[in-house]
């Protein structure tokens, strides 16, 4: 996924991170920007963990989610993000 986002493997730093399944090795980098709807978030730190450990799922971290009010509708399996004022 890093290559698809324009991040060179050589530019990524190795770190150990804590996940729900325990500590794992990750590669860290910074994306110029992430867009959610019409919102643009600049300079977002990202981590890449082996697909086998995440089941090939991408995760949105609190460095982005913390910028929003989150509403979770369990019945609809829907998360609504509203920018904080």
C-alpha atoms as a PDB file:
ATOM      1  CA  UNK A   1       0.000   0.000   0.000  1.00  0.00           C
ATOM      2  CA  UNK A   2       2.892   2.382   0.709  1.00  0.00           C
ATOM      3  CA  UNK A   3       4.045   2.230  -2.907  1.00  0.00           C
ATOM      4  CA  UNK A   4       0.510   2.968  -4.122  1.00  0.00           C
ATOM      5  CA  UNK A   5       0.433   6.058  -1.912  1.00  0.00           C
ATOM      6  CA  UNK A   6       3.709   7.322  -3.338  1.00  0.00           C
ATOM      7  CA  UNK A   7       5.876   6.515  -0.309  1.00  0.00           C
ATOM      8  CA  UNK A   8       9.250   4.953  -1.003  1.00  0.00           C
ATOM      9  CA  UNK A   9      10.106   1.972   1.182  1.00  0.00           C
ATOM     10  CA  UNK A  10      13.493   3.618   1.818  1.00  0.00           C
ATOM     11  CA  UNK A  11      11.763   6.680   3.311  1.00  0.00           C
ATOM     12  CA  UNK A  12       9.863   4.636   5.916  1.00  0.00           C
ATOM     13  CA  UNK A  13      11.125   4.244   9.481  1.00  0.00           C
ATOM     14  CA  UNK A  14      10.852   0.994  11.465  1.00  0.00           C
ATOM     15  CA  UNK A  15       9.021   1.058  14.806  1.00  0.00           C
ATOM     16  CA  UNK A  16       7.306  -1.390  17.128  1.00  0.00           C
ATOM     17  CA  UNK A  17       3.622  -0.610  17.769  1.00  0.00           C
ATOM     18  CA  UNK A  18       1.016  -2.028  20.134  1.00  0.00           C
ATOM     19  CA  UNK A  19      -2.064  -3.549  18.468  1.00  0.00           C
ATOM     20  CA  UNK A  20      -5.041  -5.468  19.834  1.00  0.00           C
ATOM     21  CA  UNK A  21      -3.083  -8.644  19.022  1.00  0.00           C
ATOM     22  CA  UNK A  22       0.117  -7.478  20.719  1.00  0.00           C
ATOM     23  CA  UNK A  23       3.299  -5.712  19.652  1.00  0.00           C
ATOM     24  CA  UNK A  24       4.219  -5.800  15.969  1.00  0.00           C
ATOM     25  CA  UNK A  25       6.795  -4.261  13.670  1.00  0.00           C
ATOM     26  CA  UNK A  26       5.527  -1.375  11.520  1.00  0.00           C
ATOM     27  CA  UNK A  27       6.906   1.029   8.930  1.00  0.00           C
ATOM     28  CA  UNK A  28       6.114   4.730   9.459  1.00  0.00           C
ATOM     29  CA  UNK A  29       5.958   7.606   7.026  1.00  0.00           C
ATOM     30  CA  UNK A  30       4.087  10.854   6.407  1.00  0.00           C
ATOM     31  CA  UNK A  31       1.469  11.463   3.724  1.00  0.00           C
ATOM     32  CA  UNK A  32       1.314  14.969   2.304  1.00  0.00           C
ATOM     33  CA  UNK A  33      -2.461  14.955   2.833  1.00  0.00           C
ATOM     34  CA  UNK A  34      -5.491  12.755   3.441  1.00  0.00           C
ATOM     35  CA  UNK A  35      -8.928  13.694   2.137  1.00  0.00           C
ATOM     36  CA  UNK A  36     -12.158  12.704   3.881  1.00  0.00           C
ATOM     37  CA  UNK A  37     -15.061  14.023   1.872  1.00  0.00           C
ATOM     38  CA  UNK A  38     -14.305  17.696   1.267  1.00  0.00           C
ATOM     39  CA  UNK A  39     -11.916  17.897   4.243  1.00  0.00           C
ATOM     40  CA  UNK A  40      -8.146  17.893   3.667  1.00  0.00           C
ATOM     41  CA  UNK A  41      -5.798  16.915   6.507  1.00  0.00           C
ATOM     42  CA  UNK A  42      -2.154  17.807   5.873  1.00  0.00           C
ATOM     43  CA  UNK A  43       0.980  15.912   6.919  1.00  0.00           C
ATOM     44  CA  UNK A  44      -0.603  12.731   8.288  1.00  0.00           C
ATOM     45  CA  UNK A  45       1.683  10.183   9.919  1.00  0.00           C
ATOM     46  CA  UNK A  46       0.879   6.678   8.686  1.00  0.00           C
ATOM     47  CA  UNK A  47       1.927   3.207   9.751  1.00  0.00           C
ATOM     48  CA  UNK A  48       2.116   0.110   7.585  1.00  0.00           C
ATOM     49  CA  UNK A  49       1.735  -3.304   9.190  1.00  0.00           C
ATOM     50  CA  UNK A  50       2.007  -6.622   7.365  1.00  0.00           C
ATOM     51  CA  UNK A  51      -1.270  -7.581   5.684  1.00  0.00           C
ATOM     52  CA  UNK A  52      -1.162 -10.998   7.370  1.00  0.00           C
ATOM     53  CA  UNK A  53      -1.438  -9.287  10.769  1.00  0.00           C
ATOM     54  CA  UNK A  54      -4.390  -7.036   9.825  1.00  0.00           C
ATOM     55  CA  UNK A  55      -6.180  -9.257   7.337  1.00  0.00           C
ATOM     56  CA  UNK A  56      -5.419  -6.718   4.570  1.00  0.00           C
ATOM     57  CA  UNK A  57      -7.632  -4.113   6.288  1.00  0.00           C
ATOM     58  CA  UNK A  58      -6.711  -0.450   6.466  1.00  0.00           C
ATOM     59  CA  UNK A  59      -7.219   1.373   9.747  1.00  0.00           C
ATOM     60  CA  UNK A  60      -7.864   5.049  10.322  1.00  0.00           C
ATOM     61  CA  UNK A  61      -5.941   6.167  13.403  1.00  0.00           C
ATOM     62  CA  UNK A  62      -6.741   8.615  16.173  1.00  0.00           C
ATOM     63  CA  UNK A  63      -4.352  11.164  14.643  1.00  0.00           C
ATOM     64  CA  UNK A  64      -7.137  11.619  12.057  1.00  0.00           C
ATOM     65  CA  UNK A  65     -10.242  10.435  13.936  1.00  0.00           C
ATOM     66  CA  UNK A  66      -9.443  12.773  16.844  1.00  0.00           C
ATOM     67  CA  UNK A  67     -10.165  15.724  14.551  1.00  0.00           C
ATOM     68  CA  UNK A  68     -13.808  14.652  14.305  1.00  0.00           C
ATOM     69  CA  UNK A  69     -16.847  13.955  16.466  1.00  0.00           C
ATOM     70  CA  UNK A  70     -17.706  10.321  15.877  1.00  0.00           C
ATOM     71  CA  UNK A  71     -21.196   8.868  15.865  1.00  0.00           C
ATOM     72  CA  UNK A  72     -21.498   5.096  15.634  1.00  0.00           C
ATOM     73  CA  UNK A  73     -24.763   3.515  14.494  1.00  0.00           C
ATOM     74  CA  UNK A  74     -24.442  -0.196  15.313  1.00  0.00           C
ATOM     75  CA  UNK A  75     -27.708  -1.127  13.613  1.00  0.00           C
ATOM     76  CA  UNK A  76     -26.570   0.352  10.299  1.00  0.00           C
ATOM     77  CA  UNK A  77     -22.864  -0.483  10.699  1.00  0.00           C
ATOM     78  CA  UNK A  78     -22.182   3.182  10.038  1.00  0.00           C
ATOM     79  CA  UNK A  79     -19.635   5.618  11.439  1.00  0.00           C
ATOM     80  CA  UNK A  80     -20.347   9.321  10.881  1.00  0.00           C
ATOM     81  CA  UNK A  81     -17.507  11.814  11.198  1.00  0.00           C
ATOM     82  CA  UNK A  82     -18.304  15.477  11.841  1.00  0.00           C
ATOM     83  CA  UNK A  83     -15.433  17.999  11.837  1.00  0.00           C
ATOM     84  CA  UNK A  84     -14.812  19.568  15.250  1.00  0.00           C
ATOM     85  CA  UNK A  85     -15.340  23.315  15.366  1.00  0.00           C
END
